[in-house]
Amino acid sequence: MIYAGIDIGSASSKVVLVSDGRVIASEVQPSGGSYGAAARRVVQAALAKAGLTEKDIAGAVATGLGASAVTIPAFQVSDVSCQGKGVNHLFPSVRTIIDIGGQSTKVARVDAQGKLLDFVVSEKCAAGSGRFLQIIARILGIGLEDIGPLALKSHHPVEFSTGCAVFAESETVSRIAEGAAKEDILAGVHRAIASKVEALVRRVRLEPDCAVTGGGARDIGLVRSVSEALHVELLVPEEPQITAALGAALIAAEKSAGHAAGARGQA
């Protein structure tokens, strides 16, 4: 039986297909301007990888900002619940999850089964999300994939005097004019984001082990800065962007099993 987890986020759309708790295919694509179009593209791409069609999907769960735009039959489940399920499947010891996405950062505390105990979301400001990195990368003229390795070369991180991404953008331009190195600017941005993350973690009370997910988890410089701010080692999934989609697929399988058991009980 094939189950699909579909996570339509502000920056990227993800699909995971599972069978017997094992991932058989996954896909990540930019969301673009239409959640509906993104959902169709990413689902078809994942199915093509596995050599399947929509008819092969026994059940699906949709999550993320664009969950309602998913056109195939799917339950809707909150992204934090899906993150908890997905991370628990990969790292059963994790009790705190930091998800650094394109629009916001979420911090959740979960139990031994990955069920949500508490969570907080960053305010509506790019400085607390991966969007901040996109803004700075554009100003510096570098690719997102180059940010982490370059920031690790910093010896004198820039101290940003503001926690607002809009003002930080202007401050970055000024620092470039002053001759600040790109790596020092990036390291400063990482520290600014890590400070925001640390404040969120304090609100839910850090409990190890701690994992970091989302597009921000692909930035090794940011992961190191968050680790240093929290004084803990962070666990990073091999594919940190698909953990919510993975959890959604696993929840879809559980829902299907529950319905089947209910039907047998009524027979």
Protein backbone atom coordinates (compact mmCIF):
# COMPACT_ATOMS: atom_id res chain seq x y z
CA MET A 1 0.00 0.00 0.00
CA ILE A 2 1.33 3.43 -0.98
CA TYR A 3 0.69 6.50 1.18
CA ALA A 4 1.48 10.10 0.32
CA GLY A 5 2.49 13.03 2.49
CA ILE A 6 2.14 16.40 0.77
CA ASP A 7 3.65 19.52 2.36
CA ILE A 8 2.94 22.73 0.45
CA GLY A 9 5.02 25.48 2.03
CA SER A 10 5.55 29.15 1.24
CA ALA A 11 8.91 28.56 -0.45
CA SER A 12 8.90 24.90 -1.43
CA SER A 13 6.52 22.01 -1.93
CA LYS A 14 7.42 18.50 -0.81
CA VAL A 15 5.98 15.02 -1.33
CA VAL A 16 7.00 11.75 0.29
CA LEU A 17 5.64 8.34 -0.72
CA VAL A 18 5.92 5.53 1.82
CA SER A 19 5.14 1.83 1.86
CA ASP A 20 5.41 -0.26 5.03
CA GLY A 21 7.03 2.71 6.77
CA ARG A 22 9.76 2.96 4.14
CA VAL A 23 10.29 5.95 1.85
CA ILE A 24 10.03 4.85 -1.77
CA ALA A 25 10.18 8.30 -3.39
CA SER A 26 10.36 11.99 -2.47
CA GLU A 27 10.37 15.27 -4.32
CA VAL A 28 11.05 18.92 -3.46
CA GLN A 29 10.21 21.81 -5.79
CA PRO A 30 9.76 25.58 -5.47
CA SER A 31 6.15 26.49 -4.66
CA GLY A 32 6.08 29.42 -7.07
CA GLY A 33 3.02 31.62 -7.37
CA SER A 34 0.33 28.93 -7.25
CA TYR A 35 0.01 26.38 -4.46
CA GLY A 36 -2.41 24.32 -6.56
CA ALA A 37 -0.04 24.11 -9.51
CA ALA A 38 2.90 23.36 -7.21
CA ALA A 39 0.97 20.56 -5.52
CA ARG A 40 0.11 18.95 -8.86
CA ARG A 41 3.69 19.22 -10.12
CA VAL A 42 5.36 17.83 -7.05
CA VAL A 43 2.90 14.94 -6.63
CA GLN A 44 3.30 13.90 -10.27
CA ALA A 45 7.10 14.15 -10.02
CA ALA A 46 7.21 11.90 -6.94
CA LEU A 47 4.86 9.38 -8.55
CA ALA A 48 6.97 9.35 -11.72
CA LYS A 49 10.09 8.56 -9.69
CA ALA A 50 8.33 5.55 -8.17
CA GLY A 51 6.72 4.47 -11.46
CA LEU A 52 3.23 4.97 -10.01
CA THR A 53 0.04 6.88 -10.73
CA GLU A 54 -2.46 8.65 -8.47
CA LYS A 55 -4.61 5.50 -8.51
CA ASP A 56 -1.85 3.70 -6.59
CA ILE A 57 -2.16 6.07 -3.60
CA ALA A 58 -4.14 4.33 -0.85
CA GLY A 59 -4.31 7.42 1.35
CA ALA A 60 -2.83 10.89 1.67
CA VAL A 61 -2.36 13.69 4.19
CA ALA A 62 -1.77 17.30 3.14
CA THR A 63 -0.10 19.91 5.33
CA GLY A 64 1.51 23.35 5.11
CA LEU A 65 0.20 26.75 4.06
CA GLY A 66 -1.12 25.42 0.77
CA ALA A 67 -2.68 22.20 2.07
CA SER A 68 -6.16 23.28 0.96
CA ALA A 69 -4.91 23.60 -2.63
CA VAL A 70 -4.08 19.88 -2.89
CA THR A 71 -6.53 18.35 -5.37
CA ILE A 72 -6.11 14.62 -4.67
CA PRO A 73 -8.24 13.26 -1.79
CA ALA A 74 -6.30 13.99 1.42
CA PHE A 75 -6.83 14.66 5.10
CA GLN A 76 -5.41 17.93 6.38
CA VAL A 77 -3.11 17.82 9.42
CA SER A 78 -1.12 20.68 10.99
CA ASP A 79 2.49 20.99 9.91
CA VAL A 80 3.82 20.87 13.48
CA SER A 81 2.04 17.55 14.09
CA CYS A 82 3.47 16.18 10.86
CA GLN A 83 6.96 17.42 11.80
CA GLY A 84 6.69 15.64 15.13
CA LYS A 85 5.72 12.38 13.47
CA GLY A 86 8.39 12.60 10.79
CA VAL A 87 11.25 13.53 13.11
CA ASN A 88 10.21 10.86 15.63
CA HIS A 89 10.42 8.28 12.85
CA LEU A 90 13.99 9.35 12.07
CA PHE A 91 15.21 10.26 15.57
CA PRO A 92 13.06 8.65 18.32
CA SER A 93 15.14 10.37 21.02
CA VAL A 94 14.26 13.91 19.88
CA ARG A 95 12.07 15.98 22.20
CA THR A 96 12.64 19.47 20.71
CA ILE A 97 12.25 20.31 17.02
CA ILE A 98 13.38 23.56 15.38
CA ASP A 99 11.91 24.03 11.92
CA ILE A 100 13.48 26.94 10.01
CA GLY A 101 11.26 27.52 6.99
CA GLY A 102 11.04 30.11 4.26
CA GLN A 103 8.38 32.21 5.98
CA SER A 104 8.71 31.42 9.68
CA THR A 105 10.54 29.40 12.30
CA LYS A 106 8.64 26.99 14.53
CA VAL A 107 9.87 25.32 17.68
CA ALA A 108 7.98 22.32 19.03
CA ARG A 109 8.35 20.06 22.05
CA VAL A 110 7.18 16.48 21.55
CA ASP A 111 6.81 13.30 23.59
CA ALA A 112 8.41 9.89 23.04
CA GLN A 113 5.88 9.13 20.28
CA GLY A 114 6.46 12.44 18.50
CA LYS A 115 3.12 13.87 19.62
CA LEU A 116 2.96 17.62 20.09
CA LEU A 117 3.22 18.94 23.66
CA ASP A 118 3.87 22.63 22.99
CA PHE A 119 5.00 24.89 20.15
CA VAL A 120 5.68 28.51 19.23
CA VAL A 121 5.98 30.32 15.90
CA SER A 122 8.20 33.30 15.10
CA GLU A 123 6.55 36.67 14.57
CA LYS A 124 5.76 37.75 11.02
CA CYS A 125 9.24 39.06 10.30
CA ALA A 126 11.74 37.70 7.79
CA ALA A 127 14.54 38.02 10.36
CA GLY A 128 13.25 34.89 12.07
CA SER A 129 13.18 32.72 8.95
CA GLY A 130 15.07 31.51 5.92
CA ARG A 131 13.75 34.52 4.02
CA PHE A 132 16.40 36.62 5.79
CA LEU A 133 19.13 34.49 4.21
CA GLN A 134 17.55 34.85 0.77
CA ILE A 135 17.55 38.64 1.10
CA ILE A 136 21.19 38.82 2.18
CA ALA A 137 22.30 36.30 -0.46
CA ARG A 138 20.72 38.45 -3.15
CA ILE A 139 22.51 41.56 -1.89
CA LEU A 140 25.84 39.75 -1.73
CA GLY A 141 25.34 38.12 -5.12
CA ILE A 142 25.85 34.54 -3.95
CA GLY A 143 23.82 31.34 -4.17
CA LEU A 144 21.95 29.99 -1.14
CA GLU A 145 23.99 26.80 -1.33
CA ASP A 146 27.20 28.84 -0.83
CA ILE A 147 26.07 30.66 2.32
CA GLY A 148 26.93 28.00 4.90
CA PRO A 149 30.43 27.06 3.73
CA LEU A 150 31.36 30.72 3.22
CA ALA A 151 30.10 31.79 6.66
CA LEU A 152 32.25 29.14 8.33
CA LYS A 153 35.33 31.00 7.05
CA SER A 154 34.44 34.10 9.06
CA HIS A 155 36.86 35.42 11.68
CA HIS A 156 35.09 38.68 12.53
CA PRO A 157 31.29 38.26 12.32
CA VAL A 158 29.37 41.47 11.75
CA GLU A 159 27.14 42.52 14.64
CA PHE A 160 23.77 43.65 13.36
CA SER A 161 22.24 46.45 15.41
CA THR A 162 18.68 45.55 14.40
CA GLY A 163 16.51 42.47 14.60
CA CYS A 164 14.43 43.56 11.62
CA ALA A 165 15.21 42.12 8.19
CA VAL A 166 14.22 45.33 6.41
CA PHE A 167 16.67 47.44 8.40
CA ALA A 168 19.26 44.66 8.29
CA GLU A 169 19.12 44.82 4.51
CA SER A 170 20.08 48.51 4.63
CA GLU A 171 22.70 47.76 7.26
CA THR A 172 24.20 45.06 5.05
CA VAL A 173 24.59 47.51 2.18
CA SER A 174 26.35 49.92 4.54
CA ARG A 175 28.69 47.22 5.84
CA ILE A 176 29.62 46.23 2.29
CA ALA A 177 30.48 49.88 1.58
CA GLU A 178 32.64 49.88 4.73
CA GLY A 179 34.57 46.90 3.38
CA ALA A 180 33.15 44.06 5.51
CA ALA A 181 33.89 40.62 4.08
CA LYS A 182 31.00 38.56 2.75
CA GLU A 183 31.75 35.72 5.14
CA ASP A 184 31.64 38.08 8.13
CA ILE A 185 28.30 39.50 7.04
CA LEU A 186 26.85 36.01 6.60
CA ALA A 187 28.16 34.87 9.97
CA GLY A 188 26.51 37.93 11.51
CA VAL A 189 23.20 37.07 9.84
CA HIS A 190 23.46 33.53 11.18
CA ARG A 191 24.02 34.86 14.68
CA ALA A 192 21.01 37.19 14.34
CA ILE A 193 18.75 34.31 13.25
CA ALA A 194 20.19 32.04 15.97
CA SER A 195 19.32 34.66 18.57
CA LYS A 196 15.71 34.66 17.36
CA VAL A 197 15.64 30.86 17.47
CA GLU A 198 17.11 30.77 20.96
CA ALA A 199 14.36 33.10 22.21
CA LEU A 200 11.70 30.79 20.75
CA VAL A 201 13.31 27.71 22.29
CA ARG A 202 13.30 29.35 25.72
CA ARG A 203 9.51 29.71 25.46
CA VAL A 204 8.92 25.97 25.03
CA ARG A 205 11.80 24.94 27.31
CA LEU A 206 14.59 23.03 25.60
CA GLU A 207 14.59 19.31 26.17
CA PRO A 208 17.26 17.19 24.44
CA ASP A 209 17.66 15.63 22.03
CA CYS A 210 17.10 18.53 19.65
CA ALA A 211 16.71 18.38 15.86
CA VAL A 212 16.65 21.12 13.24
CA THR A 213 14.61 20.80 10.04
CA GLY A 214 13.46 22.90 7.09
CA GLY A 215 15.43 24.66 4.40
CA GLY A 216 17.49 26.45 7.06
CA ALA A 217 18.85 23.10 8.21
CA ARG A 218 20.67 22.78 4.89
CA ASP A 219 22.83 25.78 5.86
CA ILE A 220 25.72 24.34 7.88
CA GLY A 221 26.76 27.79 9.07
CA LEU A 222 23.29 28.50 10.46
CA VAL A 223 23.11 25.10 12.12
CA ARG A 224 26.43 25.76 13.85
CA SER A 225 25.27 29.21 15.03
CA VAL A 226 22.02 27.80 16.45
CA SER A 227 23.96 24.98 18.12
CA GLU A 228 26.31 27.49 19.75
CA ALA A 229 23.43 29.71 20.88
CA LEU A 230 21.64 26.77 22.51
CA HIS A 231 24.80 25.02 23.77
CA VAL A 232 23.60 21.67 22.40
CA GLU A 233 24.47 19.38 19.53
CA LEU A 234 21.77 19.42 16.88
CA LEU A 235 20.54 16.41 14.95
CA VAL A 236 19.98 17.15 11.24
CA PRO A 237 18.01 14.77 8.99
CA GLU A 238 19.70 13.71 5.79
CA GLU A 239 16.89 15.48 3.90
CA PRO A 240 15.69 18.14 6.36
CA GLN A 241 13.09 19.68 4.03
CA ILE A 242 10.90 16.57 3.76
CA THR A 243 10.36 15.67 7.41
CA ALA A 244 6.85 17.15 7.59
CA ALA A 245 5.89 15.39 4.35
CA LEU A 246 7.31 12.16 5.76
CA GLY A 247 5.25 12.58 8.91
CA ALA A 248 2.17 13.32 6.81
CA ALA A 249 2.65 10.09 4.85
CA LEU A 250 3.08 8.08 8.05
CA ILE A 251 -0.07 9.65 9.50
CA ALA A 252 -1.93 8.76 6.29
CA ALA A 253 -0.88 5.13 6.74
CA GLU A 254 -2.04 5.16 10.36
CA LYS A 255 -5.41 6.67 9.43
CA SER A 256 -5.90 4.01 6.76
CA ALA A 257 -5.02 1.24 9.20
CA GLY A 258 -7.41 2.70 11.76
CA HIS A 259 -10.27 2.82 9.29
CA ALA A 260 -9.58 -0.76 8.20
CA ALA A 261 -9.59 -1.94 11.82
CA GLY A 262 -12.86 -0.09 12.44
CA ALA A 263 -14.45 -1.70 9.40
CA ARG A 264 -13.40 -5.16 10.59
CA GLY A 265 -14.86 -4.43 14.02
CA GLN A 266 -18.22 -3.57 12.51
CA ALA A 267 -18.27 -6.67 10.31
